Amino acid sequence: MKNLFNTNNIANNIARAGLIAAVYVVITLIIRPIAYGPIQFRLSEALTLLPFIDPMAIVGLTIGVFFANIASPLGLVDILGGSFLTLIAAYMTYKIKNKYLAMLPPIFVNALGVSLYVAPAYGLPYWPTVLYIGFGQTVVIALLGLPVLALYQKAAGAYIKSVHKN
């Protein structure tokens, strides 16, 4: 069921990327107190498995992180750094063929990369910060990301069947 969205429909692609970005931003802003900092449980990171089946999620997540991180207390470094790291992790997730292994890029890229600027900003040592961020990523992606992916696959499959009926 990998890459359910093999479509050249530009409007459809833009709409999916836009919806993913919007959902990411809204969830992040709603949970703002736990979405930023060295210990974070950014529930919107549950969406980071979507590139496994939808390449437009790479764009949606990158844009979503960019706008969500405008609210970050770390400012420009988090806006640009977080967006870049998300782009890398999302692309890696897209390239992986196993949904369980697809959890690894958003966990490790964010834990290792985000800690590079979060640790000094908060005056914390790097490796404990990696563990804090990695733990939050693992919890969110394992407990929420897999169910979100399954739901998205089911909805995508139903959508594709309805399109092919017409």
Protein backbone atom coordinates (compact mmCIF):
# COMPACT_ATOMS: atom_id res chain seq x y z
CA MET A 1 0.00 0.00 0.00
CA LYS A 2 3.07 2.22 -0.32
CA ASN A 3 2.50 5.58 -2.08
CA LEU A 4 -1.26 5.52 -2.52
CA PHE A 5 -1.14 8.91 -4.18
CA ASN A 6 0.45 8.39 -7.56
CA THR A 7 -1.24 11.38 -9.11
CA ASN A 8 -0.33 14.21 -11.39
CA ASN A 9 -3.34 16.18 -10.17
CA ILE A 10 -1.66 19.39 -9.03
CA ALA A 11 -4.71 20.69 -7.16
CA ASN A 12 -5.03 17.41 -5.26
CA ASN A 13 -1.33 17.45 -4.35
CA ILE A 14 -1.42 21.05 -3.16
CA ALA A 15 -4.58 20.40 -1.14
CA ARG A 16 -3.06 17.39 0.64
CA ALA A 17 0.16 19.24 1.44
CA GLY A 18 -1.83 22.25 2.66
CA LEU A 19 -4.08 20.16 4.89
CA ILE A 20 -1.14 18.35 6.45
CA ALA A 21 0.62 21.67 7.06
CA ALA A 22 -2.50 23.23 8.58
CA VAL A 23 -3.19 20.27 10.87
CA TYR A 24 0.45 20.28 12.01
CA VAL A 25 0.35 23.99 12.85
CA VAL A 26 -3.00 23.86 14.65
CA ILE A 27 -2.06 20.86 16.80
CA THR A 28 1.32 22.38 17.67
CA LEU A 29 -0.18 25.72 18.67
CA ILE A 30 -2.92 24.09 20.74
CA ILE A 31 -0.33 22.15 22.75
CA ARG A 32 2.23 24.97 22.74
CA PRO A 33 3.33 24.53 26.39
CA ILE A 34 4.59 21.00 25.65
CA ALA A 35 5.56 21.54 21.99
CA TYR A 36 8.77 23.53 22.45
CA GLY A 37 11.88 23.23 24.58
CA PRO A 38 14.31 20.51 25.63
CA ILE A 39 11.55 18.22 26.90
CA GLN A 40 8.73 18.18 24.39
CA PHE A 41 5.83 16.02 23.41
CA ARG A 42 4.84 17.62 20.13
CA LEU A 43 1.71 15.63 19.32
CA SER A 44 1.74 16.99 15.76
CA GLU A 45 4.83 14.82 15.19
CA ALA A 46 2.38 11.92 14.86
CA LEU A 47 2.00 13.16 11.26
CA THR A 48 5.67 12.49 10.50
CA LEU A 49 4.94 8.96 9.29
CA LEU A 50 2.68 10.21 6.48
CA PRO A 51 5.53 10.51 3.94
CA PHE A 52 5.71 6.72 4.15
CA ILE A 53 2.63 6.60 1.90
CA ASP A 54 2.18 10.16 0.62
CA PRO A 55 5.10 12.10 -0.87
CA MET A 56 3.17 15.37 -0.57
CA ALA A 57 3.43 14.96 3.19
CA ILE A 58 7.11 15.91 2.81
CA VAL A 59 6.02 19.35 1.62
CA GLY A 60 3.13 19.60 4.08
CA LEU A 61 5.24 18.72 7.11
CA THR A 62 8.06 21.06 6.13
CA ILE A 63 5.67 23.98 5.65
CA GLY A 64 3.77 23.04 8.82
CA VAL A 65 6.94 23.01 10.93
CA PHE A 66 8.04 26.33 9.44
CA PHE A 67 4.81 28.06 10.47
CA ALA A 68 4.45 26.23 13.80
CA ASN A 69 7.97 27.22 14.78
CA ILE A 70 7.19 30.89 14.32
CA ALA A 71 5.70 30.54 17.82
CA SER A 72 8.90 28.92 19.15
CA PRO A 73 10.76 30.78 21.88
CA LEU A 74 13.96 30.01 19.94
CA GLY A 75 12.88 32.08 16.95
CA LEU A 76 14.65 31.94 13.61
CA VAL A 77 17.01 29.10 14.51
CA ASP A 78 14.02 26.84 15.23
CA ILE A 79 12.03 28.09 12.24
CA LEU A 80 14.84 27.36 9.78
CA GLY A 81 16.56 24.51 11.63
CA GLY A 82 13.37 22.65 12.43
CA SER A 83 12.07 23.03 8.87
CA PHE A 84 15.32 21.78 7.37
CA LEU A 85 15.52 18.81 9.73
CA THR A 86 11.88 17.96 9.00
CA LEU A 87 12.55 18.05 5.26
CA ILE A 88 15.44 15.61 5.70
CA ALA A 89 13.52 13.28 8.04
CA ALA A 90 10.38 13.34 5.87
CA TYR A 91 12.34 12.50 2.73
CA MET A 92 14.11 9.65 4.51
CA THR A 93 10.75 8.37 5.80
CA TYR A 94 9.39 8.43 2.24
CA LYS A 95 12.30 6.30 1.00
CA ILE A 96 11.89 3.59 3.66
CA LYS A 97 9.77 0.56 2.73
CA ASN A 98 8.81 -0.68 6.21
CA LYS A 99 6.41 1.34 8.36
CA TYR A 100 8.18 0.43 11.58
CA LEU A 101 11.57 1.44 10.23
CA ALA A 102 9.92 4.60 8.87
CA MET A 103 9.60 5.76 12.49
CA LEU A 104 13.37 6.06 12.80
CA PRO A 105 14.16 9.17 10.70
CA PRO A 106 11.80 11.56 12.51
CA ILE A 107 12.99 10.23 15.86
CA PHE A 108 16.73 10.29 15.21
CA VAL A 109 17.00 13.29 12.88
CA ASN A 110 15.04 15.42 15.33
CA ALA A 111 16.69 14.08 18.46
CA LEU A 112 20.19 14.60 17.10
CA GLY A 113 19.53 17.73 15.03
CA VAL A 114 17.14 19.76 17.17
CA SER A 115 19.37 19.13 20.18
CA LEU A 116 22.20 20.96 18.39
CA TYR A 117 20.44 24.27 18.95
CA VAL A 118 18.06 23.48 21.83
CA ALA A 119 20.81 22.32 24.23
CA PRO A 120 22.93 25.50 24.04
CA ALA A 121 19.84 27.72 24.03
CA TYR A 122 18.73 26.23 27.35
CA GLY A 123 22.24 25.75 28.75
CA LEU A 124 21.94 21.96 28.78
CA PRO A 125 24.41 19.27 27.78
CA TYR A 126 23.91 17.87 24.29
CA TRP A 127 23.48 14.12 24.94
CA PRO A 128 20.85 14.38 27.69
CA THR A 129 18.93 16.76 25.42
CA VAL A 130 19.14 14.19 22.62
CA LEU A 131 17.62 11.64 25.01
CA TYR A 132 14.84 14.03 26.12
CA ILE A 133 13.84 14.98 22.59
CA GLY A 134 14.27 11.43 21.32
CA PHE A 135 12.07 10.09 24.10
CA GLY A 136 9.29 12.57 23.30
CA GLN A 137 9.54 11.78 19.59
CA THR A 138 9.47 8.03 20.22
CA VAL A 139 6.42 8.20 22.48
CA VAL A 140 4.43 10.39 20.09
CA ILE A 141 5.38 8.55 16.91
CA ALA A 142 4.94 5.03 18.33
CA LEU A 143 1.71 5.70 20.23
CA LEU A 144 0.05 8.21 17.90
CA GLY A 145 1.96 8.09 14.61
CA LEU A 146 1.21 4.47 13.76
CA PRO A 147 -2.56 4.85 14.35
CA VAL A 148 -2.57 8.13 12.38
CA LEU A 149 -0.77 6.37 9.52
CA ALA A 150 -3.30 3.52 9.55
CA LEU A 151 -6.20 5.98 9.54
CA TYR A 152 -4.65 7.96 6.69
CA GLN A 153 -4.09 4.76 4.68
CA LYS A 154 -7.70 3.73 5.20
CA ALA A 155 -9.02 7.16 4.22
CA ALA A 156 -6.70 7.30 1.21
CA GLY A 157 -7.77 3.85 0.06
CA ALA A 158 -11.45 4.79 0.33
CA TYR A 159 -10.81 8.05 -1.54
CA ILE A 160 -8.93 6.32 -4.35
CA LYS A 161 -11.68 3.70 -4.73
CA SER A 162 -14.33 6.44 -4.96
CA VAL A 163 -12.31 8.34 -7.57
CA HIS A 164 -11.86 5.24 -9.71
CA LYS A 165 -15.60 4.47 -9.58
CA ASN A 166 -16.40 7.75 -11.34
